[in-house]
Amino acid sequence: MIIKLFRMIGLAVIAILMSVIFSFCKDDDTEDQLKDPNNPIVGVWTPVYDHDSDREETITFKKNGTLTVKYVFVDNDRETEEYKATYEYDMNSGILKLKSSYWNDDLLFKVDICGDKFRMTLDCDDEHWDEYIRSN
């Protein structure tokens, strides 16, 4: 009976250790993808001014060249929509190119980054722009 008790305690300790180890690994991978000292666009960004007040928006640029745009609809039980794409960002010209199966052609933006804020201008047209602030 004592052997069964020790075996049960040992299995419980192993299970606890394994869950702690796996949870630390996942956080490190995610955190690593959201920081890149050589690419200032990498990170999580939210609009400074949200044009559509019934939704919250975040754009996550990862250092592996992928991004996710996430919308949370406030008036619709916080239903979410996510769009994934790849990006290329040229820091010298400030041109951001997005590629995705959601649209036919590549989208081009002019991006001006200043610290934790950036302005993104659609198709290099100064009349249509959005400002974002870093949220991570």
Protein backbone atom coordinates (compact mmCIF):
# COMPACT_ATOMS: atom_id res chain seq x y z
CA MET A 1 0.00 0.00 0.00
CA ILE A 2 2.87 2.39 0.77
CA ILE A 3 4.43 1.63 -2.61
CA LYS A 4 1.17 2.55 -4.39
CA LEU A 5 1.01 5.82 -2.43
CA PHE A 6 4.59 6.74 -3.39
CA ARG A 7 3.91 5.80 -7.02
CA MET A 8 0.81 8.03 -7.09
CA ILE A 9 2.69 10.95 -5.50
CA GLY A 10 5.55 10.50 -7.97
CA LEU A 11 3.19 10.51 -10.97
CA ALA A 12 1.46 13.65 -9.65
CA VAL A 13 4.81 15.45 -9.28
CA ILE A 14 5.85 14.43 -12.81
CA ALA A 15 2.53 15.66 -14.23
CA ILE A 16 2.92 19.03 -12.48
CA LEU A 17 6.50 19.44 -13.70
CA MET A 18 5.56 18.58 -17.29
CA SER A 19 2.72 21.13 -17.36
CA VAL A 20 5.00 23.87 -16.00
CA ILE A 21 7.74 23.06 -18.52
CA PHE A 22 5.35 23.11 -21.51
CA SER A 23 3.73 26.38 -20.46
CA PHE A 24 7.12 28.12 -20.25
CA CYS A 25 8.17 26.92 -23.69
CA LYS A 26 5.08 28.33 -25.41
CA ASP A 27 5.46 31.79 -23.85
CA ASP A 28 9.12 32.04 -24.87
CA ASP A 29 8.34 31.22 -28.51
CA THR A 30 5.56 33.80 -28.74
CA GLU A 31 7.56 36.48 -26.95
CA ASP A 32 10.55 35.88 -29.22
CA GLN A 33 8.46 36.37 -32.39
CA LEU A 34 7.20 39.80 -31.23
CA LYS A 35 10.61 41.44 -30.72
CA ASP A 36 13.21 42.27 -33.33
CA PRO A 37 15.70 45.11 -32.73
CA ASN A 38 16.48 45.17 -36.47
CA ASN A 39 12.86 45.58 -37.61
CA PRO A 40 10.82 48.26 -35.81
CA ILE A 41 7.47 47.14 -37.23
CA VAL A 42 7.58 43.79 -35.37
CA GLY A 43 5.10 43.77 -32.49
CA VAL A 44 1.43 44.26 -31.65
CA TRP A 45 -0.23 47.50 -32.80
CA THR A 46 -3.66 49.02 -32.17
CA PRO A 47 -5.26 52.03 -33.89
CA VAL A 48 -4.87 55.42 -32.21
CA TYR A 49 -8.28 56.41 -33.58
CA ASP A 50 -10.72 53.62 -34.36
CA HIS A 51 -12.89 54.63 -37.31
CA ASP A 52 -15.48 51.97 -36.48
CA SER A 53 -16.41 52.09 -32.80
CA ASP A 54 -18.23 48.74 -32.81
CA ARG A 55 -14.95 46.83 -33.18
CA GLU A 56 -11.48 46.65 -31.68
CA GLU A 57 -8.54 46.05 -33.99
CA THR A 58 -5.02 44.72 -33.47
CA ILE A 59 -2.29 44.05 -36.01
CA THR A 60 0.47 41.65 -34.99
CA PHE A 61 3.66 41.69 -37.07
CA LYS A 62 5.93 38.73 -36.28
CA LYS A 63 9.61 38.68 -37.12
CA ASN A 64 9.16 35.60 -39.33
CA GLY A 65 7.33 37.78 -41.91
CA THR A 66 3.76 36.88 -40.98
CA LEU A 67 1.04 39.10 -39.62
CA THR A 68 -2.43 38.74 -38.17
CA VAL A 69 -5.17 41.36 -38.25
CA LYS A 70 -7.74 40.65 -35.53
CA TYR A 71 -11.12 42.33 -35.14
CA VAL A 72 -13.24 41.94 -32.00
CA PHE A 73 -16.85 43.06 -32.53
CA VAL A 74 -18.03 44.71 -29.32
CA ASP A 75 -21.75 44.77 -30.21
CA ASN A 76 -21.82 41.13 -31.30
CA ASP A 77 -20.92 39.20 -28.12
CA ARG A 78 -17.21 39.93 -28.80
CA GLU A 79 -17.17 37.75 -31.90
CA THR A 80 -13.74 37.75 -33.55
CA GLU A 81 -12.42 37.69 -37.11
CA GLU A 82 -8.79 37.07 -37.99
CA TYR A 83 -6.96 37.56 -41.25
CA LYS A 84 -3.47 36.24 -41.84
CA ALA A 85 -0.94 37.49 -44.37
CA THR A 86 2.76 37.73 -45.05
CA TYR A 87 4.63 40.99 -45.23
CA GLU A 88 7.84 42.53 -46.49
CA TYR A 89 9.00 45.78 -44.91
CA ASP A 90 11.78 47.89 -46.39
CA MET A 91 13.08 50.17 -43.63
CA ASN A 92 14.98 52.38 -46.09
CA SER A 93 11.97 53.30 -48.23
CA GLY A 94 9.30 52.72 -45.56
CA ILE A 95 7.29 50.56 -47.99
CA LEU A 96 5.23 47.74 -46.47
CA LYS A 97 3.96 45.06 -48.86
CA LEU A 98 1.18 42.70 -47.72
CA LYS A 99 0.37 39.42 -49.45
CA SER A 100 -2.64 37.24 -48.68
CA SER A 101 -5.21 34.97 -50.26
CA TYR A 102 -7.92 37.38 -48.99
CA TRP A 103 -7.16 39.88 -51.77
CA ASN A 104 -5.96 39.54 -55.36
CA ASP A 105 -3.09 42.02 -55.57
CA ASP A 106 -0.33 42.90 -53.13
CA LEU A 107 -1.24 45.86 -50.94
CA LEU A 108 1.36 48.60 -50.65
CA PHE A 109 1.57 50.99 -47.73
CA LYS A 110 3.91 53.83 -46.87
CA VAL A 111 4.86 53.45 -43.20
CA ASP A 112 6.40 56.14 -41.01
CA ILE A 113 7.55 54.80 -37.63
CA CYS A 114 8.41 57.14 -34.79
CA GLY A 115 9.12 55.30 -31.52
CA ASP A 116 6.00 53.43 -30.44
CA LYS A 117 3.72 55.03 -33.07
CA PHE A 118 3.42 54.56 -36.79
CA ARG A 119 1.36 56.02 -39.58
CA MET A 120 0.32 53.66 -42.37
CA THR A 121 -0.79 55.23 -45.64
CA LEU A 122 -2.68 53.00 -48.09
CA ASP A 123 -1.11 52.77 -51.56
CA CYS A 124 1.07 55.77 -50.77
CA ASP A 125 -2.01 58.03 -51.03
CA ASP A 126 -1.71 60.77 -48.40
CA GLU A 127 -5.51 61.06 -48.08
CA HIS A 128 -6.10 57.55 -46.68
CA TRP A 129 -4.04 56.80 -43.60
CA ASP A 130 -4.31 55.26 -40.15
CA GLU A 131 -2.17 55.74 -37.05
CA TYR A 132 -1.28 52.88 -34.72
CA ILE A 133 0.43 52.65 -31.36
CA ARG A 134 2.51 49.75 -30.06
CA SER A 135 0.59 47.75 -27.45
CA ASN A 136 3.19 45.15 -26.44
